[in-house]
N, C-alpha and C. Protein backbone atom coordinates (compact mmCIF):
# COMPACT_ATOMS: atom_id res chain seq x y z
N MET A 1 0.94 -1.26 0.07
CA MET A 1 -0.11 0.04 -0.10
C MET A 1 1.03 1.39 -0.06
N ASN A 2 0.67 2.28 -0.90
CA ASN A 2 1.38 3.26 -1.15
C ASN A 2 0.64 4.48 -0.07
N ARG A 3 1.46 5.64 -0.16
CA ARG A 3 1.08 6.80 0.68
C ARG A 3 -0.39 7.29 0.23
N GLU A 4 -0.68 7.38 -1.19
CA GLU A 4 -1.75 7.82 -1.63
C GLU A 4 -3.00 6.98 -1.17
N GLN A 5 -2.81 5.61 -1.05
CA GLN A 5 -3.88 4.72 -0.81
C GLN A 5 -4.10 4.82 0.41
N ILE A 6 -3.10 5.05 1.61
CA ILE A 6 -3.36 5.38 2.86
C ILE A 6 -4.26 6.59 3.14
N PHE A 7 -3.83 7.64 2.39
CA PHE A 7 -4.41 8.93 2.54
C PHE A 7 -6.02 8.75 2.17
N ASP A 8 -6.18 7.91 1.22
CA ASP A 8 -7.59 7.68 0.53
C ASP A 8 -8.25 6.83 1.75
N PHE A 9 -7.53 5.86 2.26
CA PHE A 9 -8.27 5.15 3.34
C PHE A 9 -8.45 5.87 4.52
N LEU A 10 -7.76 6.87 4.91
CA LEU A 10 -7.90 7.60 6.06
C LEU A 10 -9.14 8.72 5.59
N LEU A 11 -9.35 9.17 4.46
CA LEU A 11 -10.51 9.74 4.10
C LEU A 11 -11.99 9.23 3.99
N ARG A 12 -11.85 7.95 3.33
CA ARG A 12 -13.03 7.41 3.00
C ARG A 12 -13.54 6.32 3.96
N GLU A 13 -12.46 5.64 4.62
CA GLU A 13 -12.86 4.41 5.50
C GLU A 13 -12.82 4.89 7.06
N ILE A 14 -12.13 5.87 7.37
CA ILE A 14 -11.96 6.35 8.50
C ILE A 14 -12.81 7.56 8.73
N HIS A 15 -12.29 8.57 7.97
CA HIS A 15 -12.84 10.04 8.12
C HIS A 15 -12.64 10.75 9.30
N THR A 16 -13.24 10.51 10.34
CA THR A 16 -13.29 11.06 11.71
C THR A 16 -11.99 10.43 12.45
N VAL A 17 -11.02 11.61 12.83
CA VAL A 17 -9.94 11.01 13.51
C VAL A 17 -9.71 11.89 15.02
N VAL A 18 -9.13 11.38 15.83
CA VAL A 18 -8.61 12.21 17.07
C VAL A 18 -7.31 12.94 16.67
N MET A 19 -7.45 14.21 16.72
CA MET A 19 -6.33 15.08 16.47
C MET A 19 -5.68 15.64 17.84
N ALA A 20 -4.40 15.76 17.90
CA ALA A 20 -3.97 16.56 19.10
C ALA A 20 -3.03 17.58 18.65
N ASN A 21 -2.93 18.68 19.50
CA ASN A 21 -1.85 19.51 19.42
C ASN A 21 -1.71 19.96 20.79
N THR A 22 -0.88 21.11 21.06
CA THR A 22 -0.44 21.40 22.56
C THR A 22 -0.94 22.67 22.78
N ASP A 23 -1.15 23.09 24.13
CA ASP A 23 -1.59 24.31 24.68
C ASP A 23 -0.24 25.13 25.06
N ASP A 24 -0.55 26.07 25.78
CA ASP A 24 0.42 27.07 26.18
C ASP A 24 1.36 26.44 27.30
N ASP A 25 0.88 25.42 27.87
CA ASP A 25 1.68 24.81 28.99
C ASP A 25 2.34 23.46 28.46
N GLY A 26 2.25 23.23 27.07
CA GLY A 26 2.93 22.08 26.34
C GLY A 26 2.14 20.92 26.61
N LYS A 27 1.04 20.96 27.21
CA LYS A 27 0.13 19.81 27.37
C LYS A 27 -0.77 19.52 26.29
N PRO A 28 -0.88 18.12 25.93
CA PRO A 28 -1.63 17.76 24.83
C PRO A 28 -3.22 17.98 24.91
N VAL A 29 -3.84 18.29 23.79
CA VAL A 29 -5.30 18.64 23.79
C VAL A 29 -5.85 17.89 22.55
N THR A 30 -6.86 17.10 22.68
CA THR A 30 -7.36 16.47 21.66
C THR A 30 -8.78 16.75 21.23
N CYS A 31 -9.19 16.54 19.91
CA CYS A 31 -10.40 16.91 19.52
C CYS A 31 -10.70 16.01 18.19
N ALA A 32 -12.02 15.88 18.07
CA ALA A 32 -12.41 14.99 16.96
C ALA A 32 -12.44 15.87 15.55
N ILE A 33 -11.86 15.45 14.65
CA ILE A 33 -11.65 16.12 13.38
C ILE A 33 -11.96 15.19 12.17
N ASP A 34 -12.76 15.69 11.13
CA ASP A 34 -12.83 15.20 10.02
C ASP A 34 -11.74 15.40 8.94
N ILE A 35 -11.38 14.27 8.40
CA ILE A 35 -10.60 14.38 7.16
C ILE A 35 -11.22 14.75 6.04
N MET A 36 -10.96 15.88 5.35
CA MET A 36 -11.87 16.73 4.27
C MET A 36 -11.48 16.23 2.84
N ASP A 37 -10.18 15.85 2.65
CA ASP A 37 -9.71 15.69 1.37
C ASP A 37 -7.82 15.46 1.49
N TYR A 38 -7.51 15.01 0.42
CA TYR A 38 -6.07 14.95 0.40
C TYR A 38 -5.51 15.09 -1.09
N ASP A 39 -4.47 15.47 -1.29
CA ASP A 39 -3.81 15.50 -2.63
C ASP A 39 -2.51 15.38 -2.70
N SER A 40 -1.56 15.76 -3.69
CA SER A 40 -0.17 15.41 -3.62
C SER A 40 0.58 16.47 -2.56
N GLN A 41 -0.28 17.26 -2.29
CA GLN A 41 0.35 18.57 -1.21
C GLN A 41 0.20 18.01 0.08
N GLY A 42 -0.76 17.15 0.28
CA GLY A 42 -1.06 16.90 1.81
C GLY A 42 -2.44 16.39 2.17
N ILE A 43 -2.83 16.49 3.39
CA ILE A 43 -4.01 16.22 3.99
C ILE A 43 -4.72 17.37 4.56
N TYR A 44 -6.12 17.54 4.10
CA TYR A 44 -6.88 18.80 4.55
C TYR A 44 -7.95 18.49 5.63
N PHE A 45 -8.10 19.63 6.45
CA PHE A 45 -9.23 19.46 7.32
C PHE A 45 -9.59 21.04 7.56
N LEU A 46 -10.73 21.13 8.33
CA LEU A 46 -11.15 22.34 8.55
C LEU A 46 -11.60 22.62 10.10
N THR A 47 -11.71 23.93 10.29
CA THR A 47 -12.21 24.34 11.75
C THR A 47 -12.72 25.70 11.63
N ALA A 48 -13.22 26.22 12.76
CA ALA A 48 -13.67 27.65 12.84
C ALA A 48 -12.75 28.27 13.52
N LYS A 49 -12.68 29.73 13.22
CA LYS A 49 -11.71 30.59 13.66
C LYS A 49 -11.94 30.91 15.20
N GLY A 50 -13.17 30.75 15.68
CA GLY A 50 -13.54 31.05 16.82
C GLY A 50 -13.19 29.93 17.94
N LYS A 51 -12.69 28.86 17.42
CA LYS A 51 -12.35 27.78 18.33
C LYS A 51 -11.02 27.82 19.03
N LYS A 52 -10.82 27.27 20.04
CA LYS A 52 -9.33 27.24 20.78
C LYS A 52 -8.42 26.54 19.90
N PHE A 53 -8.98 25.43 19.13
CA PHE A 53 -8.31 24.71 18.44
C PHE A 53 -7.55 25.38 17.30
N TYR A 54 -8.27 26.46 16.77
CA TYR A 54 -7.62 27.23 15.70
C TYR A 54 -6.61 28.23 16.30
N ASP A 55 -6.77 28.58 17.47
CA ASP A 55 -5.71 29.37 18.16
C ASP A 55 -4.49 28.48 18.34
N ARG A 56 -4.70 27.40 18.91
CA ARG A 56 -3.62 26.62 19.15
C ARG A 56 -2.83 26.19 17.80
N LEU A 57 -3.66 25.96 16.62
CA LEU A 57 -3.03 25.58 15.45
C LEU A 57 -2.03 26.73 15.00
N LYS A 58 -2.47 27.80 15.01
CA LYS A 58 -1.81 29.09 14.58
C LYS A 58 -0.55 29.43 15.42
N LYS A 59 -0.75 29.03 16.64
CA LYS A 59 0.51 29.37 17.63
C LYS A 59 1.44 28.18 17.54
N TYR A 60 1.08 26.89 17.42
CA TYR A 60 1.84 25.99 17.49
C TYR A 60 1.47 24.95 16.34
N PRO A 61 1.71 25.22 15.12
CA PRO A 61 1.37 24.61 13.85
C PRO A 61 1.99 23.16 13.57
N PHE A 62 1.71 22.41 14.45
CA PHE A 62 2.09 20.87 14.47
C PHE A 62 0.98 20.05 15.01
N ILE A 63 0.51 19.06 14.40
CA ILE A 63 -0.54 18.07 14.75
C ILE A 63 -0.08 16.68 14.94
N SER A 64 -0.86 15.88 15.81
CA SER A 64 -0.88 14.34 15.65
C SER A 64 -2.01 13.94 15.58
N LEU A 65 -2.34 12.85 14.81
CA LEU A 65 -3.71 12.34 14.61
C LEU A 65 -3.55 10.69 14.57
N THR A 66 -4.62 10.10 14.91
CA THR A 66 -4.74 8.74 14.84
C THR A 66 -6.35 8.37 14.56
N GLY A 67 -6.52 7.69 13.49
CA GLY A 67 -7.91 7.16 12.93
C GLY A 67 -8.00 5.54 12.94
N ILE A 68 -8.93 5.12 13.38
CA ILE A 68 -9.19 3.60 13.49
C ILE A 68 -10.51 3.10 12.87
N LYS A 69 -10.19 2.04 12.09
CA LYS A 69 -11.54 1.47 11.46
C LYS A 69 -11.41 -0.11 11.95
N GLY A 70 -12.58 -0.52 12.25
CA GLY A 70 -12.82 -1.91 12.70
C GLY A 70 -13.64 -2.09 13.92
N ASP A 71 -14.56 -3.10 13.95
CA ASP A 71 -15.55 -3.06 15.14
C ASP A 71 -15.24 -3.98 16.30
N SER A 72 -13.87 -4.32 16.33
CA SER A 72 -13.24 -5.05 17.51
C SER A 72 -11.66 -4.98 17.28
N THR A 73 -10.96 -5.20 18.38
CA THR A 73 -9.50 -4.97 18.40
C THR A 73 -8.94 -5.80 17.37
N MET A 74 -9.30 -6.93 17.19
CA MET A 74 -8.41 -7.81 16.41
C MET A 74 -8.90 -7.66 14.88
N LYS A 75 -9.82 -6.80 14.72
CA LYS A 75 -10.21 -6.38 13.22
C LYS A 75 -9.94 -5.07 12.88
N ARG A 76 -8.99 -4.38 13.59
CA ARG A 76 -8.91 -2.95 13.55
C ARG A 76 -7.61 -2.60 12.73
N ILE A 77 -7.72 -1.49 11.96
CA ILE A 77 -6.75 -0.88 11.30
C ILE A 77 -6.65 0.47 11.70
N ALA A 78 -5.34 0.96 12.14
CA ALA A 78 -4.96 2.38 12.72
C ALA A 78 -4.10 3.00 11.94
N VAL A 79 -4.48 4.10 11.57
CA VAL A 79 -3.44 5.19 10.70
C VAL A 79 -3.07 6.17 11.72
N SER A 80 -1.78 6.42 11.92
CA SER A 80 -1.30 7.72 12.61
C SER A 80 -0.47 8.61 11.77
N VAL A 81 -0.65 10.04 11.98
CA VAL A 81 0.04 10.85 11.29
C VAL A 81 0.58 12.01 12.21
N GLN A 82 1.76 12.39 11.99
CA GLN A 82 2.45 13.62 12.83
C GLN A 82 2.89 14.60 11.68
N GLY A 83 2.56 15.78 11.86
CA GLY A 83 3.04 16.68 10.81
C GLY A 83 2.89 18.22 10.97
N ASN A 84 3.59 18.96 10.24
CA ASN A 84 3.22 20.33 10.10
C ASN A 84 2.01 20.84 9.41
N VAL A 85 1.36 21.85 10.00
CA VAL A 85 0.30 22.26 9.21
C VAL A 85 0.21 23.78 9.03
N ARG A 86 -0.47 24.18 7.89
CA ARG A 86 -0.62 25.72 7.71
C ARG A 86 -2.09 25.97 7.19
N GLU A 87 -2.45 27.20 7.27
CA GLU A 87 -3.79 27.62 7.03
C GLU A 87 -3.73 27.78 5.40
N CYS A 88 -4.95 27.45 4.81
CA CYS A 88 -5.06 27.58 3.46
C CYS A 88 -6.11 28.70 3.11
N GLY A 89 -6.20 28.99 1.70
CA GLY A 89 -7.13 30.12 1.26
C GLY A 89 -8.38 29.53 1.15
N ARG A 90 -9.26 30.71 0.89
CA ARG A 90 -10.82 30.42 0.86
C ARG A 90 -11.02 29.49 -0.39
N ASP A 91 -10.43 29.42 -1.49
CA ASP A 91 -10.76 28.60 -2.41
C ASP A 91 -10.54 27.24 -1.97
N ILE A 92 -9.68 26.82 -1.17
CA ILE A 92 -9.51 25.40 -0.72
C ILE A 92 -10.72 25.03 0.15
N LEU A 93 -11.18 26.11 1.03
CA LEU A 93 -12.27 25.82 1.95
C LEU A 93 -13.42 25.63 0.98
N ASN A 94 -13.74 26.32 0.14
CA ASN A 94 -14.74 26.20 -0.67
C ASN A 94 -14.93 24.71 -1.40
N LYS A 95 -13.77 24.33 -1.80
CA LYS A 95 -13.79 22.95 -2.40
C LYS A 95 -13.97 21.89 -1.44
N LEU A 96 -13.55 22.13 -0.14
CA LEU A 96 -13.70 21.10 0.87
C LEU A 96 -15.05 21.08 1.36
N LEU A 97 -15.95 22.19 1.25
CA LEU A 97 -17.23 22.13 1.67
C LEU A 97 -18.09 21.37 0.66
N GLU A 98 -17.72 21.71 -0.76
CA GLU A 98 -18.45 21.06 -1.85
C GLU A 98 -18.15 19.55 -1.87
N ARG A 99 -17.02 19.02 -1.34
CA ARG A 99 -16.71 17.54 -1.50
C ARG A 99 -17.13 16.90 -0.13
N ASN A 100 -17.65 17.74 0.71
CA ASN A 100 -18.25 17.10 2.24
C ASN A 100 -19.51 17.90 2.21
N LYS A 101 -20.54 17.65 1.49
CA LYS A 101 -21.79 18.40 1.41
C LYS A 101 -22.56 18.36 2.98
N TYR A 102 -22.27 17.31 3.59
CA TYR A 102 -23.00 17.22 5.00
C TYR A 102 -22.48 18.37 5.93
N MET A 103 -21.46 19.29 5.58
CA MET A 103 -21.01 20.45 6.40
C MET A 103 -22.24 21.54 6.07
N TYR A 104 -22.82 21.32 5.02
CA TYR A 104 -23.86 22.53 4.90
C TYR A 104 -25.09 22.27 5.83
N ASP A 105 -25.18 21.05 6.38
CA ASP A 105 -26.21 20.98 7.44
C ASP A 105 -25.87 21.49 8.74
N ILE A 106 -24.36 21.68 8.94
CA ILE A 106 -23.96 22.18 10.19
C ILE A 106 -23.72 23.69 9.96
N TYR A 107 -23.31 24.14 8.86
CA TYR A 107 -23.22 25.59 8.67
C TYR A 107 -23.93 25.88 7.29
N PRO A 108 -25.29 26.02 7.39
CA PRO A 108 -26.24 26.19 6.07
C PRO A 108 -26.02 27.40 5.25
N THR A 109 -25.62 28.52 6.05
CA THR A 109 -25.69 29.87 5.21
C THR A 109 -24.14 30.50 4.98
N GLU A 110 -24.08 31.23 4.13
CA GLU A 110 -22.82 31.88 3.81
C GLU A 110 -22.22 32.50 5.05
N GLN A 111 -23.22 33.09 5.59
CA GLN A 111 -22.93 33.91 6.99
C GLN A 111 -22.40 32.94 8.02
N SER A 112 -22.92 31.84 8.11
CA SER A 112 -22.65 31.00 9.14
C SER A 112 -21.14 30.29 8.84
N GLN A 113 -20.68 30.26 7.62
CA GLN A 113 -19.54 29.78 7.03
C GLN A 113 -18.45 30.81 7.15
N LYS A 114 -18.78 31.91 7.42
CA LYS A 114 -17.76 32.99 7.49
C LYS A 114 -16.51 32.75 8.12
N ASN A 115 -16.72 32.26 9.41
CA ASN A 115 -15.43 31.94 10.20
C ASN A 115 -14.75 30.54 10.02
N LEU A 116 -15.23 29.81 9.22
CA LEU A 116 -14.57 28.60 8.69
C LEU A 116 -13.29 28.86 8.18
N THR A 117 -12.38 27.79 8.16
CA THR A 117 -10.99 28.01 7.58
C THR A 117 -10.66 26.59 7.34
N ALA A 118 -9.57 26.32 6.29
CA ALA A 118 -9.12 25.21 6.02
C ALA A 118 -7.50 25.09 6.37
N PHE A 119 -7.23 24.04 6.75
CA PHE A 119 -5.71 23.74 6.98
C PHE A 119 -5.33 22.54 6.21
N ILE A 120 -4.05 22.62 6.08
CA ILE A 120 -3.34 21.40 5.38
C ILE A 120 -2.21 20.79 6.11
N ILE A 121 -2.20 19.55 6.47
CA ILE A 121 -0.97 18.88 6.96
C ILE A 121 0.03 18.70 5.70
N TYR A 122 1.04 19.45 5.55
CA TYR A 122 1.81 19.57 4.44
C TYR A 122 3.02 18.77 4.26
N GLU A 123 3.57 18.34 5.50
CA GLU A 123 4.78 17.48 5.60
C GLU A 123 4.68 16.85 6.92
N GLY A 124 5.24 15.52 6.94
CA GLY A 124 5.13 14.93 8.18
C GLY A 124 5.49 13.46 7.94
N HIS A 125 5.14 12.52 8.74
CA HIS A 125 5.24 11.02 8.64
C HIS A 125 4.14 10.21 9.39
N GLY A 126 3.99 9.06 9.09
CA GLY A 126 2.86 8.34 9.71
C GLY A 126 3.28 6.77 9.77
N GLU A 127 2.23 6.13 10.38
CA GLU A 127 2.24 4.65 10.26
C GLU A 127 0.90 4.10 10.03
N TRP A 128 0.97 2.88 9.50
CA TRP A 128 -0.07 1.92 9.19
C TRP A 128 0.03 0.82 10.04
N PHE A 129 -1.14 0.45 10.91
CA PHE A 129 -0.90 -0.59 11.67
C PHE A 129 -2.25 -1.35 11.82
N ASP A 130 -2.02 -2.74 11.25
CA ASP A 130 -3.09 -3.68 10.81
C ASP A 130 -3.24 -4.66 11.83
N LEU A 131 -4.22 -4.84 12.74
CA LEU A 131 -4.32 -5.98 13.63
C LEU A 131 -5.02 -7.00 13.19
N SER A 132 -5.76 -6.90 12.10
CA SER A 132 -6.70 -7.91 11.33
C SER A 132 -5.80 -8.93 10.69
N LYS A 133 -4.51 -8.74 10.63
CA LYS A 133 -3.69 -9.81 9.96
C LYS A 133 -2.87 -10.36 10.93
N LYS A 134 -2.27 -11.65 10.61
CA LYS A 134 -1.58 -12.57 11.49
C LYS A 134 -0.33 -12.94 10.66
N PRO A 135 0.84 -12.70 10.95
CA PRO A 135 1.25 -11.75 11.92
C PRO A 135 0.73 -10.20 11.53
N ILE A 136 0.63 -9.44 12.57
CA ILE A 136 0.31 -7.97 12.44
C ILE A 136 1.06 -7.54 11.19
N ASP A 137 0.42 -6.38 10.64
CA ASP A 137 1.18 -5.69 9.46
C ASP A 137 1.38 -4.17 9.81
N ARG A 138 2.52 -3.72 9.82
CA ARG A 138 2.93 -2.27 10.14
C ARG A 138 3.93 -1.77 9.23
N PHE A 139 3.92 -0.42 8.78
CA PHE A 139 5.03 0.18 8.12
C PHE A 139 4.75 1.59 8.30
N SER A 140 5.79 2.26 8.24
CA SER A 140 5.80 3.81 8.22
C SER A 140 5.99 4.36 6.74
N PHE A 141 5.68 5.72 6.75
CA PHE A 141 5.60 6.33 5.34
C PHE A 141 5.84 7.89 5.84
N VAL A 142 6.28 8.59 4.77
CA VAL A 142 6.58 10.16 5.01
C VAL A 142 6.06 10.84 3.88
N PHE A 143 5.85 12.26 3.89
CA PHE A 143 5.22 12.99 2.91
C PHE A 143 5.88 14.30 3.05
N GLY A 144 5.79 15.17 1.89
CA GLY A 144 6.18 16.51 1.95
C GLY A 144 7.73 16.74 2.08
N GLY A 145 8.50 15.72 1.64
CA GLY A 145 9.94 15.97 1.92
C GLY A 145 10.44 15.49 3.23
N THR A 146 9.70 15.08 4.07
CA THR A 146 10.26 14.69 5.44
C THR A 146 11.17 13.38 5.49
N THR A 147 12.11 13.49 6.09
CA THR A 147 13.03 12.33 6.17
C THR A 147 12.31 11.19 7.02
N ASP A 148 12.55 9.97 6.72
CA ASP A 148 11.89 8.95 7.18
C ASP A 148 12.33 8.83 8.81
N VAL A 149 11.54 8.40 9.60
CA VAL A 149 11.75 8.51 11.02
C VAL A 149 11.71 6.90 11.29
N LYS A 150 12.87 6.46 11.78
CA LYS A 150 12.98 5.01 12.10
C LYS A 150 12.66 4.88 13.64
N SER A 151 11.88 3.70 13.94
CA SER A 151 11.45 3.31 15.09
C SER A 151 11.54 1.72 15.32
N GLY A 152 11.49 1.24 16.61
CA GLY A 152 11.47 -0.10 16.90
C GLY A 152 12.93 -0.71 17.18
N TYR A 153 13.15 -1.88 16.90
CA TYR A 153 14.42 -2.43 17.20
C TYR A 153 15.21 -3.11 16.20
N TYR A 154 16.48 -3.16 16.27
CA TYR A 154 17.20 -4.15 15.33
C TYR A 154 18.28 -4.82 15.97
N ILE A 155 18.87 -5.74 15.33
CA ILE A 155 19.78 -6.77 16.05
C ILE A 155 21.20 -6.52 15.20
N ASP A 156 22.20 -6.05 15.88
CA ASP A 156 23.40 -5.71 15.36
C ASP A 156 24.28 -6.98 15.08
N GLU A 157 25.74 -6.63 14.48
CA GLU A 157 26.43 -7.80 14.25
C GLU A 157 27.01 -8.54 15.40
N ASN A 158 26.74 -8.15 16.55
CA ASN A 158 27.30 -8.83 17.87
C ASN A 158 26.44 -10.02 18.12
N CYS A 159 25.42 -10.22 17.42
CA CYS A 159 24.55 -11.34 17.75
C CYS A 159 25.30 -12.69 17.67
N THR A 160 25.11 -13.63 18.71
CA THR A 160 25.68 -14.86 18.65
C THR A 160 24.55 -16.03 18.21
N SER A 161 23.41 -15.63 17.74
CA SER A 161 22.54 -16.49 17.33
C SER A 161 22.17 -17.66 18.50
N CYS A 162 22.02 -17.01 19.59
CA CYS A 162 21.49 -17.83 20.77
C CYS A 162 20.05 -18.15 20.73
N LYS A 163 19.20 -17.41 19.89
CA LYS A 163 17.85 -17.74 19.69
C LYS A 163 17.03 -17.41 20.86
N LYS A 164 17.47 -16.82 21.75
CA LYS A 164 16.60 -16.44 23.07
C LYS A 164 15.56 -15.40 22.73
N CYS A 165 15.92 -14.47 21.74
CA CYS A 165 14.85 -13.57 21.31
C CYS A 165 13.82 -14.14 20.47
N LEU A 166 13.98 -15.18 19.71
CA LEU A 166 12.87 -15.87 19.03
C LEU A 166 11.90 -16.52 20.08
N SER A 167 12.34 -16.84 21.16
CA SER A 167 11.29 -17.61 22.19
C SER A 167 10.39 -16.60 22.88
N VAL A 168 10.75 -15.20 22.72
CA VAL A 168 9.71 -14.24 23.34
C VAL A 168 9.21 -13.26 22.45
N CYS A 169 9.23 -13.48 21.11
CA CYS A 169 8.76 -12.64 20.40
C CYS A 169 7.21 -12.97 20.05
N PRO A 170 6.36 -12.11 20.41
CA PRO A 170 4.87 -12.58 20.30
C PRO A 170 4.39 -12.77 18.84
N GLN A 171 5.10 -12.17 17.91
CA GLN A 171 4.38 -12.21 16.64
C GLN A 171 5.52 -13.36 15.71
N ARG A 172 6.59 -13.79 16.32
CA ARG A 172 7.47 -14.73 15.74
C ARG A 172 7.93 -14.05 14.50
N CYS A 173 8.32 -12.85 14.57
CA CYS A 173 8.84 -12.03 13.38
C CYS A 173 10.39 -11.94 13.48
N ILE A 174 11.11 -12.82 14.37
CA ILE A 174 12.50 -12.93 14.25
C ILE A 174 12.91 -14.25 13.73
N GLU A 175 13.90 -14.23 12.98
CA GLU A 175 14.39 -15.40 12.21
C GLU A 175 15.97 -15.31 12.19
N ILE A 176 16.59 -16.59 11.92
CA ILE A 176 17.95 -16.59 11.87
C ILE A 176 18.26 -16.53 10.39
N GLN A 177 19.18 -15.72 10.00
CA GLN A 177 19.77 -15.58 8.80
C GLN A 177 21.22 -15.48 8.77
N GLU A 178 22.06 -16.36 8.36
CA GLU A 178 23.41 -16.42 8.34
C GLU A 178 24.08 -16.35 9.77
N ASN A 179 23.51 -17.02 10.62
CA ASN A 179 24.12 -17.05 11.95
C ASN A 179 23.81 -15.73 12.76
N ARG A 180 22.69 -15.05 12.28
CA ARG A 180 22.41 -13.88 13.03
C ARG A 180 20.97 -13.64 13.01
N ALA A 181 20.42 -13.24 14.19
CA ALA A 181 18.97 -12.90 14.46
C ALA A 181 18.55 -11.78 13.58
N VAL A 182 17.46 -11.65 12.81
CA VAL A 182 17.04 -10.57 11.94
C VAL A 182 15.40 -10.34 12.32
N ILE A 183 15.15 -9.11 12.50
CA ILE A 183 13.73 -8.96 12.85
C ILE A 183 12.95 -8.43 11.52
N ASN A 184 11.90 -8.99 11.33
CA ASN A 184 11.04 -8.60 10.15
C ASN A 184 10.32 -7.30 10.57
N GLN A 185 10.77 -6.13 10.34
CA GLN A 185 9.95 -4.88 10.88
C GLN A 185 8.47 -4.72 10.53
N THR A 186 8.06 -5.37 9.34
CA THR A 186 6.87 -5.25 8.91
C THR A 186 5.73 -5.86 9.80
N HIS A 187 6.35 -6.76 10.79
CA HIS A 187 5.47 -7.69 11.60
C HIS A 187 5.70 -7.27 13.03
N CYS A 188 6.53 -6.45 13.33
CA CYS A 188 6.99 -6.23 14.79
C CYS A 188 6.18 -5.41 15.54
N LEU A 189 5.77 -5.64 16.71
CA LEU A 189 4.96 -5.01 17.69
C LEU A 189 5.76 -3.75 18.43
N HIS A 190 7.08 -3.81 18.38
CA HIS A 190 7.92 -2.87 19.18
C HIS A 190 7.61 -3.16 20.40
N CYS A 191 7.48 -4.32 21.00
CA CYS A 191 7.10 -4.68 22.41
C CYS A 191 8.43 -4.76 23.35
N GLY A 192 9.53 -4.95 22.73
CA GLY A 192 10.86 -4.66 23.51
C GLY A 192 11.20 -6.02 24.15
N ASN A 193 10.70 -7.10 23.89
CA ASN A 193 10.96 -8.41 24.65
C ASN A 193 12.29 -8.77 24.24
N CYS A 194 12.66 -8.75 22.99
CA CYS A 194 13.94 -9.27 22.46
C CYS A 194 15.09 -8.35 23.09
N PHE A 195 14.73 -7.03 23.02
CA PHE A 195 15.72 -6.21 23.79
C PHE A 195 16.04 -6.65 25.29
N GLU A 196 14.90 -6.92 26.02
CA GLU A 196 15.11 -7.31 27.45
C GLU A 196 15.85 -8.60 27.60
N ILE A 197 15.50 -9.51 26.68
CA ILE A 197 16.12 -10.92 26.94
C ILE A 197 17.61 -10.96 26.35
N CYS A 198 18.12 -10.19 25.48
CA CYS A 198 19.27 -10.54 24.73
C CYS A 198 20.47 -10.51 25.85
N PRO A 199 21.19 -11.47 25.95
CA PRO A 199 22.21 -11.56 27.00
C PRO A 199 23.54 -10.68 26.75
N ILE A 200 23.57 -10.33 25.50
CA ILE A 200 24.91 -9.39 25.26
C ILE A 200 24.57 -7.96 24.58
N GLY A 201 23.26 -7.70 24.64
CA GLY A 201 23.04 -6.33 24.23
C GLY A 201 23.00 -6.14 22.81
N ALA A 202 22.93 -7.21 21.79
CA ALA A 202 23.08 -6.90 20.40
C ALA A 202 21.67 -6.46 20.06
N VAL A 203 20.65 -6.46 20.76
CA VAL A 203 19.43 -5.78 20.28
C VAL A 203 19.37 -4.31 20.48
N ARG A 204 19.14 -3.34 19.51
CA ARG A 204 19.31 -1.92 19.79
C ARG A 204 17.98 -1.39 19.49
N ARG A 205 17.77 -0.30 20.32
CA ARG A 205 16.43 0.26 19.96
C ARG A 205 16.68 1.56 19.07
N LEU A 206 15.92 1.61 17.94
CA LEU A 206 16.13 2.82 16.98
C LEU A 206 15.49 4.12 17.72
């Protein structure tokens, strides 16, 4: 699955996400936000200028969001994104309203729409996490020129192939290749069991 397909899933299959930014004390504040559209430039959402959310976006233009699809834990797919935001012009706002016509039920008149404004998440990184598959499926992505952010664990060249890490991996995503343990990052939960059990410290945290 590529970045465009992930954005499309976020728009059409999830749509409403929990979005967080920070207040003046550096504490996280969350709110429910609809993803309105996406294109090659990024992901679009809107808010009203009278909301505290708008004030936080203008003062601290960075957000983190997570959206979930599925009716139970073992059937869920989660998409998370972190990135920089900026306010867009009125033309973008009008396009978003046209593509999400239910907004006219909330803001039915031009006067009531006066304080609405659009934002774009124009650069950042994210993660796809699918618990509906066995083993789990996860991978990261970037957009807007952001450098890929590595996370999780890897096993360095000091590995002696003792196989202790294999015994504690819940997803069985570690295998021995050429006398060295290797983690399949696509299926790793990032639980840290391998890190804790390695007797020589060959497991490193990214």
